Amino acid sequence: MMQDSEIHLLKRMQKACEEAVLEGYEDAKLSGLCHEGAWECAVERLRGLKPAELLKEWQADEVHPS
């Protein structure tokens, strides 16, 4: 069974992925791209996520909360 910390981490990763896709799509649409072009930009934004960097950022947040 998964620990609460693992579930929390996976939920944060899911949210980061959702935000990357939505922001990528919205930015592309605002730039005038069609649906297909905006979707390609959204997927590229998702592919550009770096899980190791996100983990470091989240660990730093836990040590030094805002």
N, C-alpha and C. Protein backbone atom coordinates (compact mmCIF):
# COMPACT_ATOMS: atom_id res chain seq x y z
N MET A 1 0.83 -1.18 0.00
CA MET A 1 0.00 0.00 0.00
C MET A 1 0.89 1.25 0.00
N MET A 2 0.43 2.27 -0.70
CA MET A 2 1.21 3.51 -0.80
C MET A 2 1.10 4.32 0.49
N GLN A 3 2.18 5.00 0.80
CA GLN A 3 2.20 5.88 1.95
C GLN A 3 1.58 7.22 1.58
N ASP A 4 1.12 7.94 2.58
CA ASP A 4 0.51 9.24 2.34
C ASP A 4 1.46 10.19 1.62
N SER A 5 2.75 10.13 1.96
CA SER A 5 3.72 11.02 1.33
C SER A 5 3.85 10.72 -0.17
N GLU A 6 3.76 9.45 -0.53
CA GLU A 6 3.84 9.08 -1.95
C GLU A 6 2.60 9.56 -2.70
N ILE A 7 1.44 9.40 -2.08
CA ILE A 7 0.20 9.85 -2.69
C ILE A 7 0.23 11.37 -2.87
N HIS A 8 0.71 12.07 -1.85
CA HIS A 8 0.82 13.53 -1.93
C HIS A 8 1.74 13.93 -3.08
N LEU A 9 2.87 13.26 -3.20
CA LEU A 9 3.82 13.55 -4.27
C LEU A 9 3.20 13.31 -5.64
N LEU A 10 2.49 12.22 -5.80
CA LEU A 10 1.85 11.91 -7.08
C LEU A 10 0.77 12.94 -7.42
N LYS A 11 0.04 13.39 -6.42
CA LYS A 11 -0.98 14.42 -6.66
C LYS A 11 -0.34 15.73 -7.09
N ARG A 12 0.81 16.08 -6.48
CA ARG A 12 1.52 17.30 -6.88
C ARG A 12 2.02 17.17 -8.32
N MET A 13 2.51 16.00 -8.69
CA MET A 13 2.99 15.78 -10.05
C MET A 13 1.82 15.87 -11.03
N GLN A 14 0.70 15.29 -10.68
CA GLN A 14 -0.48 15.36 -11.53
C GLN A 14 -0.89 16.82 -11.75
N LYS A 15 -0.90 17.60 -10.68
CA LYS A 15 -1.28 19.00 -10.79
C LYS A 15 -0.28 19.76 -11.66
N ALA A 16 1.00 19.49 -11.50
CA ALA A 16 2.02 20.15 -12.32
C ALA A 16 1.81 19.83 -13.80
N CYS A 17 1.48 18.59 -14.09
CA CYS A 17 1.23 18.19 -15.48
C CYS A 17 -0.01 18.89 -16.04
N GLU A 18 -1.06 18.92 -15.26
CA GLU A 18 -2.29 19.59 -15.69
C GLU A 18 -2.03 21.07 -15.97
N GLU A 19 -1.31 21.72 -15.06
CA GLU A 19 -1.01 23.14 -15.24
C GLU A 19 -0.15 23.38 -16.48
N ALA A 20 0.82 22.51 -16.71
CA ALA A 20 1.69 22.67 -17.88
C ALA A 20 0.89 22.57 -19.17
N VAL A 21 0.00 21.60 -19.25
CA VAL A 21 -0.80 21.42 -20.45
C VAL A 21 -1.75 22.60 -20.65
N LEU A 22 -2.45 22.97 -19.61
CA LEU A 22 -3.41 24.07 -19.74
C LEU A 22 -2.73 25.39 -20.07
N GLU A 23 -1.63 25.69 -19.40
CA GLU A 23 -0.91 26.93 -19.68
C GLU A 23 -0.33 26.93 -21.09
N GLY A 24 0.21 25.79 -21.50
CA GLY A 24 0.76 25.69 -22.85
C GLY A 24 -0.30 25.92 -23.91
N TYR A 25 -1.46 25.33 -23.72
CA TYR A 25 -2.56 25.48 -24.67
C TYR A 25 -3.05 26.92 -24.70
N GLU A 26 -3.29 27.49 -23.52
CA GLU A 26 -3.81 28.86 -23.44
C GLU A 26 -2.82 29.85 -24.03
N ASP A 27 -1.54 29.71 -23.73
CA ASP A 27 -0.53 30.61 -24.28
C ASP A 27 -0.50 30.53 -25.81
N ALA A 28 -0.58 29.32 -26.32
CA ALA A 28 -0.55 29.13 -27.77
C ALA A 28 -1.79 29.73 -28.43
N LYS A 29 -2.94 29.54 -27.84
CA LYS A 29 -4.17 30.11 -28.40
C LYS A 29 -4.12 31.64 -28.38
N LEU A 30 -3.59 32.20 -27.29
CA LEU A 30 -3.46 33.66 -27.22
C LEU A 30 -2.48 34.19 -28.26
N SER A 31 -1.55 33.34 -28.68
CA SER A 31 -0.59 33.73 -29.71
C SER A 31 -1.16 33.57 -31.11
N GLY A 32 -2.39 33.06 -31.19
CA GLY A 32 -3.07 32.96 -32.47
C GLY A 32 -2.99 31.60 -33.15
N LEU A 33 -2.47 30.60 -32.47
CA LEU A 33 -2.40 29.28 -33.10
C LEU A 33 -3.77 28.62 -33.14
N CYS A 34 -3.97 27.76 -34.14
CA CYS A 34 -5.20 26.99 -34.24
C CYS A 34 -5.21 25.91 -33.15
N HIS A 35 -6.32 25.19 -33.06
CA HIS A 35 -6.46 24.17 -32.03
C HIS A 35 -5.33 23.14 -32.10
N GLU A 36 -5.05 22.66 -33.30
CA GLU A 36 -4.02 21.63 -33.45
C GLU A 36 -2.64 22.16 -33.03
N GLY A 37 -2.33 23.38 -33.45
CA GLY A 37 -1.05 23.97 -33.09
C GLY A 37 -0.95 24.22 -31.59
N ALA A 38 -2.05 24.66 -31.00
CA ALA A 38 -2.07 24.91 -29.56
C ALA A 38 -1.91 23.59 -28.80
N TRP A 39 -2.53 22.54 -29.31
CA TRP A 39 -2.41 21.24 -28.65
C TRP A 39 -0.97 20.75 -28.72
N GLU A 40 -0.30 20.95 -29.86
CA GLU A 40 1.10 20.55 -29.99
C GLU A 40 1.97 21.31 -28.98
N CYS A 41 1.69 22.60 -28.80
CA CYS A 41 2.45 23.40 -27.82
C CYS A 41 2.19 22.90 -26.40
N ALA A 42 0.95 22.53 -26.14
CA ALA A 42 0.60 22.02 -24.81
C ALA A 42 1.36 20.73 -24.51
N VAL A 43 1.42 19.84 -25.48
CA VAL A 43 2.13 18.58 -25.30
C VAL A 43 3.63 18.84 -25.11
N GLU A 44 4.18 19.77 -25.86
CA GLU A 44 5.60 20.10 -25.71
C GLU A 44 5.88 20.69 -24.33
N ARG A 45 4.96 21.49 -23.82
CA ARG A 45 5.13 22.04 -22.47
C ARG A 45 5.15 20.91 -21.45
N LEU A 46 4.27 19.93 -21.64
CA LEU A 46 4.23 18.77 -20.74
C LEU A 46 5.54 17.98 -20.83
N ARG A 47 6.01 17.76 -22.04
CA ARG A 47 7.26 17.03 -22.22
C ARG A 47 8.45 17.78 -21.64
N GLY A 48 8.33 19.09 -21.54
CA GLY A 48 9.41 19.90 -21.02
C GLY A 48 9.53 19.89 -19.50
N LEU A 49 8.54 19.32 -18.83
CA LEU A 49 8.62 19.23 -17.37
C LEU A 49 9.81 18.36 -16.98
N LYS A 50 10.48 18.77 -15.94
CA LYS A 50 11.63 18.02 -15.46
C LYS A 50 11.33 17.55 -14.03
N PRO A 51 10.90 16.29 -13.90
CA PRO A 51 10.49 15.78 -12.59
C PRO A 51 11.54 15.98 -11.50
N ALA A 52 12.81 15.78 -11.82
CA ALA A 52 13.85 15.94 -10.80
C ALA A 52 13.90 17.38 -10.29
N GLU A 53 13.73 18.35 -11.19
CA GLU A 53 13.73 19.75 -10.77
C GLU A 53 12.50 20.08 -9.92
N LEU A 54 11.36 19.51 -10.31
CA LEU A 54 10.15 19.72 -9.51
C LEU A 54 10.33 19.16 -8.10
N LEU A 55 10.92 17.99 -8.01
CA LEU A 55 11.15 17.38 -6.69
C LEU A 55 12.06 18.25 -5.83
N LYS A 56 13.14 18.77 -6.43
CA LYS A 56 14.04 19.65 -5.67
C LYS A 56 13.30 20.88 -5.18
N GLU A 57 12.48 21.46 -6.05
CA GLU A 57 11.71 22.65 -5.69
C GLU A 57 10.75 22.33 -4.54
N TRP A 58 10.06 21.21 -4.65
CA TRP A 58 9.10 20.84 -3.60
C TRP A 58 9.81 20.54 -2.29
N GLN A 59 10.97 19.90 -2.36
CA GLN A 59 11.73 19.61 -1.12
C GLN A 59 12.20 20.91 -0.49
N ALA A 60 12.61 21.87 -1.29
CA ALA A 60 13.03 23.17 -0.75
C ALA A 60 11.84 23.88 -0.11
N ASP A 61 10.66 23.74 -0.69
CA ASP A 61 9.45 24.33 -0.12
C ASP A 61 9.15 23.75 1.25
N GLU A 62 9.41 22.45 1.40
CA GLU A 62 9.14 21.81 2.69
C GLU A 62 10.12 22.29 3.76
N VAL A 63 11.37 22.56 3.36
CA VAL A 63 12.38 23.02 4.30
C VAL A 63 12.17 24.50 4.62
N HIS A 64 11.84 25.29 3.59
CA HIS A 64 11.66 26.74 3.74
C HIS A 64 10.29 27.12 3.18
N PRO A 65 9.20 26.84 3.88
CA PRO A 65 7.87 27.17 3.35
C PRO A 65 7.71 28.68 3.17
N SER A 66 6.92 29.06 2.18
CA SER A 66 6.70 30.49 1.91
C SER A 66 5.80 31.11 2.94
